[in-house]
Amino acid sequence: MECVICKTGSMHAGNVTVTLEKNGSIILIKEVPALVCDVCEHYYLDEKTTNEVLQRGKEGLLKGAELEVLKLKVA
């Protein structure tokens, strides 16, 4: 699959760190499985992973975290 951003790279399976920021809180989620461009490093998450990342971010906000760093473990 060709990258839609740089138009030259190919997408491959990898892991990324996703940063979520809202209302002064920063949630970093590491080791998130994604398709990653081998040229520009743009990435895509599938629907299941996106939902899990957003849920983890929501939980961090509800706890009142200013900065939280997590590892994602998708079943």
PDB file of N, CA and C in Angstrom:
ATOM      1  N   MET A   1       0.846  -1.178   0.000  1.00  0.00           N
ATOM      2  CA  MET A   1       0.000   0.000   0.000  1.00  0.00           C
ATOM      3  C   MET A   1       0.893   1.243   0.000  1.00  0.00           C
ATOM      4  N   GLU A   2       0.593   2.176  -0.863  1.00  0.00           N
ATOM      5  CA  GLU A   2       1.350   3.424  -0.964  1.00  0.00           C
ATOM      6  C   GLU A   2       0.862   4.422   0.073  1.00  0.00           C
ATOM      7  N   CYS A   3       1.778   5.192   0.660  1.00  0.00           N
ATOM      8  CA  CYS A   3       1.426   6.221   1.640  1.00  0.00           C
ATOM      9  C   CYS A   3       0.669   7.352   0.944  1.00  0.00           C
ATOM     10  N   VAL A   4      -0.463   7.751   1.500  1.00  0.00           N
ATOM     11  CA  VAL A   4      -1.254   8.822   0.898  1.00  0.00           C
ATOM     12  C   VAL A   4      -0.696  10.205   1.230  1.00  0.00           C
ATOM     13  N   ILE A   5       0.236  10.280   2.166  1.00  0.00           N
ATOM     14  CA  ILE A   5       0.822  11.569   2.541  1.00  0.00           C
ATOM     15  C   ILE A   5       2.007  11.910   1.630  1.00  0.00           C
ATOM     16  N   CYS A   6       3.047  11.060   1.626  1.00  0.00           N
ATOM     17  CA  CYS A   6       4.257  11.373   0.851  1.00  0.00           C
ATOM     18  C   CYS A   6       4.213  10.819  -0.578  1.00  0.00           C
ATOM     19  N   LYS A   7       3.339   9.870  -0.836  1.00  0.00           N
ATOM     20  CA  LYS A   7       3.157   9.264  -2.155  1.00  0.00           C
ATOM     21  C   LYS A   7       4.359   8.452  -2.649  1.00  0.00           C
ATOM     22  N   THR A   8       5.402   8.299  -1.831  1.00  0.00           N
ATOM     23  CA  THR A   8       6.559   7.534  -2.265  1.00  0.00           C
ATOM     24  C   THR A   8       6.839   6.329  -1.377  1.00  0.00           C
ATOM     25  N   GLY A   9       6.392   6.382  -0.140  1.00  0.00           N
ATOM     26  CA  GLY A   9       6.681   5.309   0.809  1.00  0.00           C
ATOM     27  C   GLY A   9       5.687   4.174   0.735  1.00  0.00           C
ATOM     28  N   SER A  10       6.098   3.058   1.303  1.00  0.00           N
ATOM     29  CA  SER A  10       5.232   1.888   1.435  1.00  0.00           C
ATOM     30  C   SER A  10       4.872   1.711   2.902  1.00  0.00           C
ATOM     31  N   MET A  11       3.681   1.222   3.143  1.00  0.00           N
ATOM     32  CA  MET A  11       3.202   1.011   4.502  1.00  0.00           C
ATOM     33  C   MET A  11       3.610  -0.383   4.965  1.00  0.00           C
ATOM     34  N   HIS A  12       4.052  -0.476   6.216  1.00  0.00           N
ATOM     35  CA  HIS A  12       4.414  -1.768   6.785  1.00  0.00           C
ATOM     36  C   HIS A  12       3.980  -1.813   8.245  1.00  0.00           C
ATOM     37  N   ALA A  13       3.813  -3.017   8.773  1.00  0.00           N
ATOM     38  CA  ALA A  13       3.401  -3.183  10.164  1.00  0.00           C
ATOM     39  C   ALA A  13       4.520  -2.724  11.084  1.00  0.00           C
ATOM     40  N   GLY A  14       4.144  -2.014  12.131  1.00  0.00           N
ATOM     41  CA  GLY A  14       5.114  -1.543  13.113  1.00  0.00           C
ATOM     42  C   GLY A  14       4.405  -1.084  14.368  1.00  0.00           C
ATOM     43  N   ASN A  15       5.148  -0.447  15.239  1.00  0.00           N
ATOM     44  CA  ASN A  15       4.594   0.114  16.466  1.00  0.00           C
ATOM     45  C   ASN A  15       4.944   1.590  16.533  1.00  0.00           C
ATOM     46  N   VAL A  16       4.031   2.386  17.100  1.00  0.00           N
ATOM     47  CA  VAL A  16       4.231   3.824  17.224  1.00  0.00           C
ATOM     48  C   VAL A  16       3.861   4.264  18.639  1.00  0.00           C
ATOM     49  N   THR A  17       4.239   5.483  18.959  1.00  0.00           N
ATOM     50  CA  THR A  17       3.792   6.121  20.190  1.00  0.00           C
ATOM     51  C   THR A  17       2.758   7.162  19.794  1.00  0.00           C
ATOM     52  N   VAL A  18       1.579   7.083  20.389  1.00  0.00           N
ATOM     53  CA  VAL A  18       0.487   8.019  20.107  1.00  0.00           C
ATOM     54  C   VAL A  18       0.430   9.029  21.248  1.00  0.00           C
ATOM     55  N   THR A  19       0.378  10.296  20.897  1.00  0.00           N
ATOM     56  CA  THR A  19       0.270  11.364  21.889  1.00  0.00           C
ATOM     57  C   THR A  19      -1.119  11.976  21.808  1.00  0.00           C
ATOM     58  N   LEU A  20      -1.823  11.967  22.931  1.00  0.00           N
ATOM     59  CA  LEU A  20      -3.133  12.599  23.020  1.00  0.00           C
ATOM     60  C   LEU A  20      -3.004  13.786  23.969  1.00  0.00           C
ATOM     61  N   GLU A  21      -3.574  14.918  23.588  1.00  0.00           N
ATOM     62  CA  GLU A  21      -3.489  16.106  24.428  1.00  0.00           C
ATOM     63  C   GLU A  21      -4.852  16.776  24.491  1.00  0.00           C
ATOM     64  N   LYS A  22      -5.301  17.065  25.713  1.00  0.00           N
ATOM     65  CA  LYS A  22      -6.590  17.725  25.890  1.00  0.00           C
ATOM     66  C   LYS A  22      -6.607  18.428  27.239  1.00  0.00           C
ATOM     67  N   ASN A  23      -7.062  19.662  27.241  1.00  0.00           N
ATOM     68  CA  ASN A  23      -7.227  20.445  28.467  1.00  0.00           C
ATOM     69  C   ASN A  23      -5.987  20.427  29.357  1.00  0.00           C
ATOM     70  N   GLY A  24      -4.814  20.527  28.762  1.00  0.00           N
ATOM     71  CA  GLY A  24      -3.585  20.556  29.527  1.00  0.00           C
ATOM     72  C   GLY A  24      -3.054  19.198  29.945  1.00  0.00           C
ATOM     73  N   SER A  25      -3.763  18.132  29.635  1.00  0.00           N
ATOM     74  CA  SER A  25      -3.299  16.774  29.952  1.00  0.00           C
ATOM     75  C   SER A  25      -2.647  16.168  28.719  1.00  0.00           C
ATOM     76  N   ILE A  26      -1.591  15.392  28.947  1.00  0.00           N
ATOM     77  CA  ILE A  26      -0.904  14.689  27.866  1.00  0.00           C
ATOM     78  C   ILE A  26      -0.868  13.212  28.219  1.00  0.00           C
ATOM     79  N   ILE A  27      -1.375  12.392  27.320  1.00  0.00           N
ATOM     80  CA  ILE A  27      -1.372  10.947  27.487  1.00  0.00           C
ATOM     81  C   ILE A  27      -0.524  10.366  26.356  1.00  0.00           C
ATOM     82  N   LEU A  28       0.557   9.677  26.712  1.00  0.00           N
ATOM     83  CA  LEU A  28       1.413   9.006  25.730  1.00  0.00           C
ATOM     84  C   LEU A  28       1.115   7.518  25.800  1.00  0.00           C
ATOM     85  N   ILE A  29       0.825   6.937  24.668  1.00  0.00           N
ATOM     86  CA  ILE A  29       0.542   5.502  24.615  1.00  0.00           C
ATOM     87  C   ILE A  29       1.579   4.880  23.689  1.00  0.00           C
ATOM     88  N   LYS A  30       2.430   4.035  24.265  1.00  0.00           N
ATOM     89  CA  LYS A  30       3.550   3.436  23.550  1.00  0.00           C
ATOM     90  C   LYS A  30       3.195   2.059  23.011  1.00  0.00           C
ATOM     91  N   GLU A  31       3.993   1.624  22.037  1.00  0.00           N
ATOM     92  CA  GLU A  31       3.866   0.292  21.447  1.00  0.00           C
ATOM     93  C   GLU A  31       2.479   0.024  20.860  1.00  0.00           C
ATOM     94  N   VAL A  32       1.957   1.019  20.161  1.00  0.00           N
ATOM     95  CA  VAL A  32       0.658   0.905  19.508  1.00  0.00           C
ATOM     96  C   VAL A  32       0.872   0.298  18.124  1.00  0.00           C
ATOM     97  N   PRO A  33       0.240  -0.842  17.822  1.00  0.00           N
ATOM     98  CA  PRO A  33       0.391  -1.439  16.494  1.00  0.00           C
ATOM     99  C   PRO A  33      -0.255  -0.550  15.421  1.00  0.00           C
ATOM    100  N   ALA A  34       0.478  -0.373  14.323  1.00  0.00           N
ATOM    101  CA  ALA A  34       0.008   0.524  13.262  1.00  0.00           C
ATOM    102  C   ALA A  34       0.636   0.126  11.941  1.00  0.00           C
ATOM    103  N   LEU A  35       0.104   0.679  10.861  1.00  0.00           N
ATOM    104  CA  LEU A  35       0.764   0.634   9.559  1.00  0.00           C
ATOM    105  C   LEU A  35       1.568   1.918   9.456  1.00  0.00           C
ATOM    106  N   VAL A  36       2.879   1.793   9.207  1.00  0.00           N
ATOM    107  CA  VAL A  36       3.792   2.933   9.239  1.00  0.00           C
ATOM    108  C   VAL A  36       4.475   3.086   7.880  1.00  0.00           C
ATOM    109  N   CYS A  37       4.540   4.325   7.390  1.00  0.00           N
ATOM    110  CA  CYS A  37       5.227   4.604   6.131  1.00  0.00           C
ATOM    111  C   CYS A  37       6.735   4.507   6.350  1.00  0.00           C
ATOM    112  N   ASP A  38       7.430   3.833   5.445  1.00  0.00           N
ATOM    113  CA  ASP A  38       8.872   3.668   5.586  1.00  0.00           C
ATOM    114  C   ASP A  38       9.659   4.898   5.145  1.00  0.00           C
ATOM    115  N   VAL A  39       8.976   5.927   4.627  1.00  0.00           N
ATOM    116  CA  VAL A  39       9.654   7.158   4.229  1.00  0.00           C
ATOM    117  C   VAL A  39       9.339   8.308   5.185  1.00  0.00           C
ATOM    118  N   CYS A  40       8.063   8.655   5.330  1.00  0.00           N
ATOM    119  CA  CYS A  40       7.690   9.834   6.134  1.00  0.00           C
ATOM    120  C   CYS A  40       7.237   9.481   7.553  1.00  0.00           C
ATOM    121  N   GLU A  41       7.079   8.199   7.845  1.00  0.00           N
ATOM    122  CA  GLU A  41       6.681   7.690   9.157  1.00  0.00           C
ATOM    123  C   GLU A  41       5.255   8.057   9.569  1.00  0.00           C
ATOM    124  N   HIS A  42       4.440   8.513   8.624  1.00  0.00           N
ATOM    125  CA  HIS A  42       3.015   8.704   8.907  1.00  0.00           C
ATOM    126  C   HIS A  42       2.447   7.327   9.232  1.00  0.00           C
ATOM    127  N   TYR A  43       1.451   7.272  10.105  1.00  0.00           N
ATOM    128  CA  TYR A  43       0.907   5.968  10.482  1.00  0.00           C
ATOM    129  C   TYR A  43      -0.616   5.971  10.472  1.00  0.00           C
ATOM    130  N   TYR A  44      -1.154   4.753  10.377  1.00  0.00           N
ATOM    131  CA  TYR A  44      -2.599   4.526  10.400  1.00  0.00           C
ATOM    132  C   TYR A  44      -2.901   3.466  11.447  1.00  0.00           C
ATOM    133  N   LEU A  45      -3.962   3.690  12.213  1.00  0.00           N
ATOM    134  CA  LEU A  45      -4.428   2.715  13.194  1.00  0.00           C
ATOM    135  C   LEU A  45      -5.710   2.086  12.683  1.00  0.00           C
ATOM    136  N   ASP A  46      -5.899   0.797  12.978  1.00  0.00           N
ATOM    137  CA  ASP A  46      -7.172   0.191  12.607  1.00  0.00           C
ATOM    138  C   ASP A  46      -8.245   0.626  13.611  1.00  0.00           C
ATOM    139  N   GLU A  47      -9.490   0.300  13.328  1.00  0.00           N
ATOM    140  CA  GLU A  47     -10.607   0.773  14.147  1.00  0.00           C
ATOM    141  C   GLU A  47     -10.533   0.266  15.581  1.00  0.00           C
ATOM    142  N   LYS A  48     -10.202  -1.004  15.757  1.00  0.00           N
ATOM    143  CA  LYS A  48     -10.120  -1.584  17.103  1.00  0.00           C
ATOM    144  C   LYS A  48      -9.039  -0.883  17.924  1.00  0.00           C
ATOM    145  N   THR A  49      -7.881  -0.672  17.323  1.00  0.00           N
ATOM    146  CA  THR A  49      -6.778  -0.017  18.015  1.00  0.00           C
ATOM    147  C   THR A  49      -7.122   1.438  18.326  1.00  0.00           C
ATOM    148  N   THR A  50      -7.736   2.127  17.383  1.00  0.00           N
ATOM    149  CA  THR A  50      -8.151   3.508  17.607  1.00  0.00           C
ATOM    150  C   THR A  50      -9.089   3.605  18.799  1.00  0.00           C
ATOM    151  N   ASN A  51     -10.059   2.713  18.856  1.00  0.00           N
ATOM    152  CA  ASN A  51     -11.006   2.723  19.972  1.00  0.00           C
ATOM    153  C   ASN A  51     -10.302   2.489  21.301  1.00  0.00           C
ATOM    154  N   GLU A  52      -9.338   1.568  21.333  1.00  0.00           N
ATOM    155  CA  GLU A  52      -8.590   1.280  22.555  1.00  0.00           C
ATOM    156  C   GLU A  52      -7.747   2.484  22.975  1.00  0.00           C
ATOM    157  N   VAL A  53      -7.092   3.126  22.025  1.00  0.00           N
ATOM    158  CA  VAL A  53      -6.282   4.309  22.316  1.00  0.00           C
ATOM    159  C   VAL A  53      -7.161   5.424  22.887  1.00  0.00           C
ATOM    160  N   LEU A  54      -8.293   5.662  22.271  1.00  0.00           N
ATOM    161  CA  LEU A  54      -9.191   6.714  22.749  1.00  0.00           C
ATOM    162  C   LEU A  54      -9.741   6.393  24.137  1.00  0.00           C
ATOM    163  N   GLN A  55     -10.043   5.128  24.388  1.00  0.00           N
ATOM    164  CA  GLN A  55     -10.532   4.719  25.710  1.00  0.00           C
ATOM    165  C   GLN A  55      -9.462   4.957  26.768  1.00  0.00           C
ATOM    166  N   ARG A  56      -8.216   4.588  26.464  1.00  0.00           N
ATOM    167  CA  ARG A  56      -7.118   4.808  27.415  1.00  0.00           C
ATOM    168  C   ARG A  56      -6.923   6.299  27.683  1.00  0.00           C
ATOM    169  N   GLY A  57      -7.053   7.111  26.644  1.00  0.00           N
ATOM    170  CA  GLY A  57      -6.942   8.559  26.816  1.00  0.00           C
ATOM    171  C   GLY A  57      -8.040   9.102  27.704  1.00  0.00           C
ATOM    172  N   LYS A  58      -9.237   8.634  27.489  1.00  0.00           N
ATOM    173  CA  LYS A  58     -10.389   9.059  28.290  1.00  0.00           C
ATOM    174  C   LYS A  58     -10.186   8.691  29.757  1.00  0.00           C
ATOM    175  N   GLU A  59      -9.693   7.473  30.009  1.00  0.00           N
ATOM    176  CA  GLU A  59      -9.443   7.032  31.378  1.00  0.00           C
ATOM    177  C   GLU A  59      -8.394   7.914  32.055  1.00  0.00           C
ATOM    178  N   GLY A  60      -7.367   8.285  31.320  1.00  0.00           N
ATOM    179  CA  GLY A  60      -6.336   9.164  31.867  1.00  0.00           C
ATOM    180  C   GLY A  60      -6.898  10.523  32.243  1.00  0.00           C
ATOM    181  N   LEU A  61      -7.751  11.074  31.390  1.00  0.00           N
ATOM    182  CA  LEU A  61      -8.374  12.365  31.682  1.00  0.00           C
ATOM    183  C   LEU A  61      -9.276  12.279  32.909  1.00  0.00           C
ATOM    184  N   LEU A  62     -10.034  11.194  33.006  1.00  0.00           N
ATOM    185  CA  LEU A  62     -10.933  11.031  34.152  1.00  0.00           C
ATOM    186  C   LEU A  62     -10.167  10.911  35.467  1.00  0.00           C
ATOM    187  N   LYS A  63      -8.954  10.384  35.416  1.00  0.00           N
ATOM    188  CA  LYS A  63      -8.111  10.280  36.610  1.00  0.00           C
ATOM    189  C   LYS A  63      -7.462  11.611  36.964  1.00  0.00           C
ATOM    190  N   GLY A  64      -7.568  12.578  36.070  1.00  0.00           N
ATOM    191  CA  GLY A  64      -6.965  13.884  36.308  1.00  0.00           C
ATOM    192  C   GLY A  64      -5.477  13.926  36.011  1.00  0.00           C
ATOM    193  N   ALA A  65      -4.998  13.012  35.197  1.00  0.00           N
ATOM    194  CA  ALA A  65      -3.570  12.950  34.878  1.00  0.00           C
ATOM    195  C   ALA A  65      -3.132  14.182  34.104  1.00  0.00           C
ATOM    196  N   GLU A  66      -1.989  14.731  34.488  1.00  0.00           N
ATOM    197  CA  GLU A  66      -1.373  15.798  33.698  1.00  0.00           C
ATOM    198  C   GLU A  66      -0.481  15.191  32.632  1.00  0.00           C
ATOM    199  N   LEU A  67       0.227  14.116  33.020  1.00  0.00           N
ATOM    200  CA  LEU A  67       1.066  13.375  32.085  1.00  0.00           C
ATOM    201  C   LEU A  67       0.987  11.906  32.467  1.00  0.00           C
ATOM    202  N   GLU A  68       0.613  11.085  31.511  1.00  0.00           N
ATOM    203  CA  GLU A  68       0.531   9.646  31.750  1.00  0.00           C
ATOM    204  C   GLU A  68       1.178   8.936  30.574  1.00  0.00           C
ATOM    205  N   VAL A  69       2.000   7.932  30.884  1.00  0.00           N
ATOM    206  CA  VAL A  69       2.659   7.146  29.851  1.00  0.00           C
ATOM    207  C   VAL A  69       2.233   5.697  30.039  1.00  0.00           C
ATOM    208  N   LEU A  70       1.676   5.101  28.971  1.00  0.00           N
ATOM    209  CA  LEU A  70       1.149   3.747  29.020  1.00  0.00           C
ATOM    210  C   LEU A  70       1.704   2.927  27.877  1.00  0.00           C
ATOM    211  N   LYS A  71       1.702   1.615  28.039  1.00  0.00           N
ATOM    212  CA  LYS A  71       1.959   0.690  26.935  1.00  0.00           C
ATOM    213  C   LYS A  71       0.629   0.082  26.562  1.00  0.00           C
ATOM    214  N   LEU A  72       0.332   0.040  25.289  1.00  0.00           N
ATOM    215  CA  LEU A  72      -0.928  -0.520  24.827  1.00  0.00           C
ATOM    216  C   LEU A  72      -0.777  -2.024  24.674  1.00  0.00           C
ATOM    217  N   LYS A  73      -1.720  -2.741  25.208  1.00  0.00           N
ATOM    218  CA  LYS A  73      -1.758  -4.190  25.041  1.00  0.00           C
ATOM    219  C   LYS A  73      -3.112  -4.537  24.456  1.00  0.00           C
ATOM    220  N   VAL A  74      -3.139  -4.719  23.147  1.00  0.00           N
ATOM    221  CA  VAL A  74      -4.379  -5.042  22.456  1.00  0.00           C
ATOM    222  C   VAL A  74      -4.507  -6.553  22.404  1.00  0.00           C
ATOM    223  N   ALA A  75      -5.657  -7.045  22.821  1.00  0.00           N
ATOM    224  CA  ALA A  75      -5.879  -8.507  22.823  1.00  0.00           C
ATOM    225  C   ALA A  75      -6.185  -9.001  21.440  1.00  0.00           C
TER     226      ALA A  75
END
